[in-house]
Amino acid sequence: MIGTIQITKRLNLQNTRTKRTILAIYIATQSIVVAVSYIIQRRVEAKKDTTVLEYYDQPKPFSKEKPKLITTTHMKYDLDQNAQARMKALVTWAVMMVLYFKFDVVRPLVVQSILPLKNALESECAQIHLFGKRALGELSRPWKANDPFTALTRGPQNTKSRKD
């Protein structure tokens, strides 16, 4: 993060060629993030893991709802988590495009060229379905929230997995 800020301080962000290069790099990395997401989706679908997963989904912060018991399969859970990550990447892409084309903001594109790719490759889905790690320990489902706010507001999740 600090390195990207230092890089942007040294770039001439008023130069049209520099802006276009940064935009091209950003679009390329976002394309890689979406491609990784689709590769993960195909691998999850190919495994067809029907192990039943039961866990309590915590309600939204400050709501009076009780935790709901969610019953799903590993395949469905992984597909849902992957789809959420892909949607988050696409929303970020849309926001960045508005910032760039409407407000001529370039600096966040440099940071967003690195972080989403890093997050996609370090995600639990990628660790299991791209890099072949076993879903044990921190990779056991359901996965902990990656963003600090959600992690602080969610309670512990009780889980059970069983093979049908």
C-alpha atoms as a PDB file:
ATOM      1  CA  MET A   1       0.000   0.000   0.000  1.00  0.00           C
ATOM      2  CA  ILE A   2       2.731   2.440   1.000  1.00  0.00           C
ATOM      3  CA  GLY A   3       4.763   1.410  -2.043  1.00  0.00           C
ATOM      4  CA  THR A   4       1.929   2.230  -4.429  1.00  0.00           C
ATOM      5  CA  ILE A   5       1.465   5.633  -2.827  1.00  0.00           C
ATOM      6  CA  GLN A   6       5.180   6.302  -3.280  1.00  0.00           C
ATOM      7  CA  ILE A   7       4.956   5.217  -6.909  1.00  0.00           C
ATOM      8  CA  THR A   8       2.054   7.571  -7.614  1.00  0.00           C
ATOM      9  CA  LYS A   9       3.969  10.489  -6.081  1.00  0.00           C
ATOM     10  CA  ARG A  10       6.726   9.992  -8.641  1.00  0.00           C
ATOM     11  CA  LEU A  11       4.436   9.696 -11.657  1.00  0.00           C
ATOM     12  CA  ASN A  12       3.299  12.653 -13.730  1.00  0.00           C
ATOM     13  CA  LEU A  13      -0.435  12.087 -13.336  1.00  0.00           C
ATOM     14  CA  GLN A  14      -1.235  15.054 -15.549  1.00  0.00           C
ATOM     15  CA  ASN A  15       0.367  13.377 -18.564  1.00  0.00           C
ATOM     16  CA  THR A  16      -2.271  11.790 -20.813  1.00  0.00           C
ATOM     17  CA  ARG A  17       0.012   8.908 -21.777  1.00  0.00           C
ATOM     18  CA  THR A  18       0.722   8.094 -18.114  1.00  0.00           C
ATOM     19  CA  LYS A  19      -3.010   8.163 -17.336  1.00  0.00           C
ATOM     20  CA  ARG A  20      -3.810   5.826 -20.201  1.00  0.00           C
ATOM     21  CA  THR A  21      -1.041   3.448 -19.189  1.00  0.00           C
ATOM     22  CA  ILE A  22      -2.357   3.331 -15.612  1.00  0.00           C
ATOM     23  CA  LEU A  23      -5.886   2.747 -16.933  1.00  0.00           C
ATOM     24  CA  ALA A  24      -4.662  -0.063 -19.203  1.00  0.00           C
ATOM     25  CA  ILE A  25      -2.834  -1.745 -16.314  1.00  0.00           C
ATOM     26  CA  TYR A  26      -5.929  -1.382 -14.129  1.00  0.00           C
ATOM     27  CA  ILE A  27      -8.204  -2.922 -16.773  1.00  0.00           C
ATOM     28  CA  ALA A  28      -5.746  -5.775 -17.339  1.00  0.00           C
ATOM     29  CA  THR A  29      -5.538  -6.641 -13.635  1.00  0.00           C
ATOM     30  CA  GLN A  30      -9.317  -6.453 -13.237  1.00  0.00           C
ATOM     31  CA  SER A  31      -9.688  -8.776 -16.209  1.00  0.00           C
ATOM     32  CA  ILE A  32      -7.342 -11.213 -14.488  1.00  0.00           C
ATOM     33  CA  VAL A  33      -9.402 -10.984 -11.267  1.00  0.00           C
ATOM     34  CA  VAL A  34     -12.621 -11.801 -13.136  1.00  0.00           C
ATOM     35  CA  ALA A  35     -10.885 -14.614 -15.044  1.00  0.00           C
ATOM     36  CA  VAL A  36      -9.608 -16.110 -11.768  1.00  0.00           C
ATOM     37  CA  SER A  37     -13.163 -15.969 -10.445  1.00  0.00           C
ATOM     38  CA  TYR A  38     -14.513 -17.874 -13.442  1.00  0.00           C
ATOM     39  CA  ILE A  39     -11.714 -20.463 -13.218  1.00  0.00           C
ATOM     40  CA  ILE A  40     -12.597 -21.011  -9.559  1.00  0.00           C
ATOM     41  CA  GLN A  41     -16.283 -21.331 -10.476  1.00  0.00           C
ATOM     42  CA  ARG A  42     -15.527 -24.008 -13.090  1.00  0.00           C
ATOM     43  CA  ARG A  43     -13.352 -25.972 -10.678  1.00  0.00           C
ATOM     44  CA  VAL A  44     -15.984 -25.836  -7.924  1.00  0.00           C
ATOM     45  CA  GLU A  45     -18.641 -27.037 -10.355  1.00  0.00           C
ATOM     46  CA  ALA A  46     -16.357 -29.835 -11.581  1.00  0.00           C
ATOM     47  CA  LYS A  47     -15.730 -31.133  -8.019  1.00  0.00           C
ATOM     48  CA  LYS A  48     -19.454 -31.334  -7.182  1.00  0.00           C
ATOM     49  CA  ASP A  49     -18.737 -31.481  -3.438  1.00  0.00           C
ATOM     50  CA  THR A  50     -22.117 -32.309  -1.886  1.00  0.00           C
ATOM     51  CA  THR A  51     -20.878 -32.358   1.696  1.00  0.00           C
ATOM     52  CA  VAL A  52     -23.601 -30.711   3.775  1.00  0.00           C
ATOM     53  CA  LEU A  53     -22.575 -27.562   5.610  1.00  0.00           C
ATOM     54  CA  GLU A  54     -24.640 -26.150   8.456  1.00  0.00           C
ATOM     55  CA  TYR A  55     -23.742 -22.879  10.147  1.00  0.00           C
ATOM     56  CA  TYR A  56     -25.359 -19.947  11.861  1.00  0.00           C
ATOM     57  CA  ASP A  57     -25.332 -16.809   9.791  1.00  0.00           C
ATOM     58  CA  GLN A  58     -25.074 -13.775  11.996  1.00  0.00           C
ATOM     59  CA  PRO A  59     -27.659 -11.015  11.529  1.00  0.00           C
ATOM     60  CA  LYS A  60     -26.692  -7.534  10.426  1.00  0.00           C
ATOM     61  CA  PRO A  61     -25.034  -5.406  13.089  1.00  0.00           C
ATOM     62  CA  PHE A  62     -27.379  -3.709  15.561  1.00  0.00           C
ATOM     63  CA  SER A  63     -30.421  -5.659  14.365  1.00  0.00           C
ATOM     64  CA  LYS A  64     -32.570  -7.611  16.779  1.00  0.00           C
ATOM     65  CA  GLU A  65     -32.735 -10.664  14.526  1.00  0.00           C
ATOM     66  CA  LYS A  66     -31.560 -14.013  15.824  1.00  0.00           C
ATOM     67  CA  PRO A  67     -28.852 -15.941  13.984  1.00  0.00           C
ATOM     68  CA  LYS A  68     -30.309 -18.129  11.227  1.00  0.00           C
ATOM     69  CA  LEU A  69     -29.304 -21.716  10.659  1.00  0.00           C
ATOM     70  CA  ILE A  70     -28.085 -22.053   7.081  1.00  0.00           C
ATOM     71  CA  THR A  71     -27.959 -25.506   5.525  1.00  0.00           C
ATOM     72  CA  THR A  72     -26.122 -25.782   2.227  1.00  0.00           C
ATOM     73  CA  THR A  73     -23.409 -27.819   0.519  1.00  0.00           C
ATOM     74  CA  HIS A  74     -19.724 -27.039   0.152  1.00  0.00           C
ATOM     75  CA  MET A  75     -20.257 -26.547  -3.577  1.00  0.00           C
ATOM     76  CA  LYS A  76     -23.122 -24.070  -3.135  1.00  0.00           C
ATOM     77  CA  TYR A  77     -21.277 -22.214  -0.361  1.00  0.00           C
ATOM     78  CA  ASP A  78     -18.109 -21.897  -2.445  1.00  0.00           C
ATOM     79  CA  LEU A  79     -20.068 -20.753  -5.499  1.00  0.00           C
ATOM     80  CA  ASP A  80     -21.902 -18.143  -3.398  1.00  0.00           C
ATOM     81  CA  GLN A  81     -18.678 -16.831  -1.850  1.00  0.00           C
ATOM     82  CA  ASN A  82     -16.999 -16.691  -5.259  1.00  0.00           C
ATOM     83  CA  ALA A  83     -19.977 -14.854  -6.767  1.00  0.00           C
ATOM     84  CA  GLN A  84     -19.895 -12.312  -3.923  1.00  0.00           C
ATOM     85  CA  ALA A  85     -16.182 -11.690  -4.502  1.00  0.00           C
ATOM     86  CA  ARG A  86     -16.755 -11.298  -8.248  1.00  0.00           C
ATOM     87  CA  MET A  87     -19.636  -8.855  -7.649  1.00  0.00           C
ATOM     88  CA  LYS A  88     -17.482  -6.846  -5.243  1.00  0.00           C
ATOM     89  CA  ALA A  89     -14.752  -6.645  -7.916  1.00  0.00           C
ATOM     90  CA  LEU A  90     -17.248  -5.524 -10.567  1.00  0.00           C
ATOM     91  CA  VAL A  91     -18.744  -2.843  -8.301  1.00  0.00           C
ATOM     92  CA  THR A  92     -15.244  -1.574  -7.488  1.00  0.00           C
ATOM     93  CA  TRP A  93     -14.486  -1.513 -11.202  1.00  0.00           C
ATOM     94  CA  ALA A  94     -17.627   0.556 -11.878  1.00  0.00           C
ATOM     95  CA  VAL A  95     -16.742   3.045  -9.133  1.00  0.00           C
ATOM     96  CA  MET A  96     -13.179   3.370 -10.429  1.00  0.00           C
ATOM     97  CA  MET A  97     -14.419   3.990 -13.963  1.00  0.00           C
ATOM     98  CA  VAL A  98     -16.718   6.774 -12.732  1.00  0.00           C
ATOM     99  CA  LEU A  99     -13.856   8.310 -10.752  1.00  0.00           C
ATOM    100  CA  TYR A 100     -11.548   8.128 -13.757  1.00  0.00           C
ATOM    101  CA  PHE A 101     -13.835   9.230 -16.572  1.00  0.00           C
ATOM    102  CA  LYS A 102     -16.119  11.643 -14.717  1.00  0.00           C
ATOM    103  CA  PHE A 103     -13.749  13.188 -12.167  1.00  0.00           C
ATOM    104  CA  ASP A 104     -10.339  12.475 -13.764  1.00  0.00           C
ATOM    105  CA  VAL A 105      -9.050  10.756 -10.608  1.00  0.00           C
ATOM    106  CA  VAL A 106      -6.086   8.493 -11.357  1.00  0.00           C
ATOM    107  CA  ARG A 107      -4.287   7.769  -8.078  1.00  0.00           C
ATOM    108  CA  PRO A 108      -6.770   5.115  -6.773  1.00  0.00           C
ATOM    109  CA  LEU A 109      -6.355   3.133 -10.000  1.00  0.00           C
ATOM    110  CA  VAL A 110      -2.756   2.378  -9.054  1.00  0.00           C
ATOM    111  CA  VAL A 111      -3.761   0.934  -5.679  1.00  0.00           C
ATOM    112  CA  GLN A 112      -6.768  -0.864  -7.170  1.00  0.00           C
ATOM    113  CA  SER A 113      -4.488  -2.430  -9.774  1.00  0.00           C
ATOM    114  CA  ILE A 114      -2.770  -4.389  -7.020  1.00  0.00           C
ATOM    115  CA  LEU A 115      -5.179  -5.015  -4.128  1.00  0.00           C
ATOM    116  CA  PRO A 116      -8.018  -6.864  -5.918  1.00  0.00           C
ATOM    117  CA  LEU A 117      -5.547  -9.221  -7.595  1.00  0.00           C
ATOM    118  CA  LYS A 118      -3.845  -9.887  -4.273  1.00  0.00           C
ATOM    119  CA  ASN A 119      -7.207 -10.456  -2.565  1.00  0.00           C
ATOM    120  CA  ALA A 120      -8.419 -12.780  -5.326  1.00  0.00           C
ATOM    121  CA  LEU A 121      -5.321 -14.959  -5.137  1.00  0.00           C
ATOM    122  CA  GLU A 122      -5.277 -15.018  -1.325  1.00  0.00           C
ATOM    123  CA  SER A 123      -8.999 -15.806  -0.980  1.00  0.00           C
ATOM    124  CA  GLU A 124     -10.083 -19.061   0.606  1.00  0.00           C
ATOM    125  CA  CYS A 125     -11.713 -20.138  -2.671  1.00  0.00           C
ATOM    126  CA  ALA A 126      -8.454 -19.637  -4.559  1.00  0.00           C
ATOM    127  CA  GLN A 127      -6.424 -21.393  -1.881  1.00  0.00           C
ATOM    128  CA  ILE A 128      -8.661 -24.469  -2.079  1.00  0.00           C
ATOM    129  CA  HIS A 129      -9.657 -24.589  -5.740  1.00  0.00           C
ATOM    130  CA  LEU A 130      -6.630 -23.035  -7.493  1.00  0.00           C
ATOM    131  CA  PHE A 131      -3.752 -23.981  -5.236  1.00  0.00           C
ATOM    132  CA  GLY A 132      -5.117 -27.317  -4.024  1.00  0.00           C
ATOM    133  CA  LYS A 133      -4.945 -26.671  -0.283  1.00  0.00           C
ATOM    134  CA  ARG A 134      -7.177 -28.717   1.996  1.00  0.00           C
ATOM    135  CA  ALA A 135     -10.150 -27.000   3.647  1.00  0.00           C
ATOM    136  CA  LEU A 136      -8.785 -27.370   7.164  1.00  0.00           C
ATOM    137  CA  GLY A 137      -8.057 -24.838   9.904  1.00  0.00           C
ATOM    138  CA  GLU A 138      -8.499 -21.308   8.609  1.00  0.00           C
ATOM    139  CA  LEU A 139      -9.707 -22.690   5.282  1.00  0.00           C
ATOM    140  CA  SER A 140     -12.545 -24.672   6.860  1.00  0.00           C
ATOM    141  CA  ARG A 141     -15.986 -23.423   5.950  1.00  0.00           C
ATOM    142  CA  PRO A 142     -17.661 -21.038   6.712  1.00  0.00           C
ATOM    143  CA  TRP A 143     -14.862 -18.582   6.148  1.00  0.00           C
ATOM    144  CA  LYS A 144     -14.252 -15.599   8.336  1.00  0.00           C
ATOM    145  CA  ALA A 145     -15.063 -12.175   6.950  1.00  0.00           C
ATOM    146  CA  ASN A 146     -12.087 -10.484   5.303  1.00  0.00           C
ATOM    147  CA  ASP A 147     -13.071  -6.893   5.925  1.00  0.00           C
ATOM    148  CA  PRO A 148     -12.401  -5.524   9.433  1.00  0.00           C
ATOM    149  CA  PHE A 149     -15.890  -4.098  10.043  1.00  0.00           C
ATOM    150  CA  THR A 150     -17.680  -7.351   9.320  1.00  0.00           C
ATOM    151  CA  ALA A 151     -15.147  -9.302  11.344  1.00  0.00           C
ATOM    152  CA  LEU A 152     -15.755  -7.032  14.358  1.00  0.00           C
ATOM    153  CA  THR A 153     -19.534  -7.119  14.150  1.00  0.00           C
ATOM    154  CA  ARG A 154     -20.012 -10.841  13.563  1.00  0.00           C
ATOM    155  CA  GLY A 155     -20.068 -13.281  16.408  1.00  0.00           C
ATOM    156  CA  PRO A 156     -18.621 -16.769  16.331  1.00  0.00           C
ATOM    157  CA  GLN A 157     -20.190 -19.099  13.824  1.00  0.00           C
ATOM    158  CA  ASN A 158     -21.051 -22.639  14.814  1.00  0.00           C
ATOM    159  CA  THR A 159     -20.557 -25.098  12.004  1.00  0.00           C
ATOM    160  CA  LYS A 160     -21.157 -28.706  11.146  1.00  0.00           C
ATOM    161  CA  SER A 161     -20.203 -30.523   7.975  1.00  0.00           C
ATOM    162  CA  ARG A 162     -21.343 -33.977   7.014  1.00  0.00           C
ATOM    163  CA  LYS A 163     -20.893 -36.062   3.896  1.00  0.00           C
ATOM    164  CA  ASP A 164     -24.169 -37.343   2.416  1.00  0.00           C
END
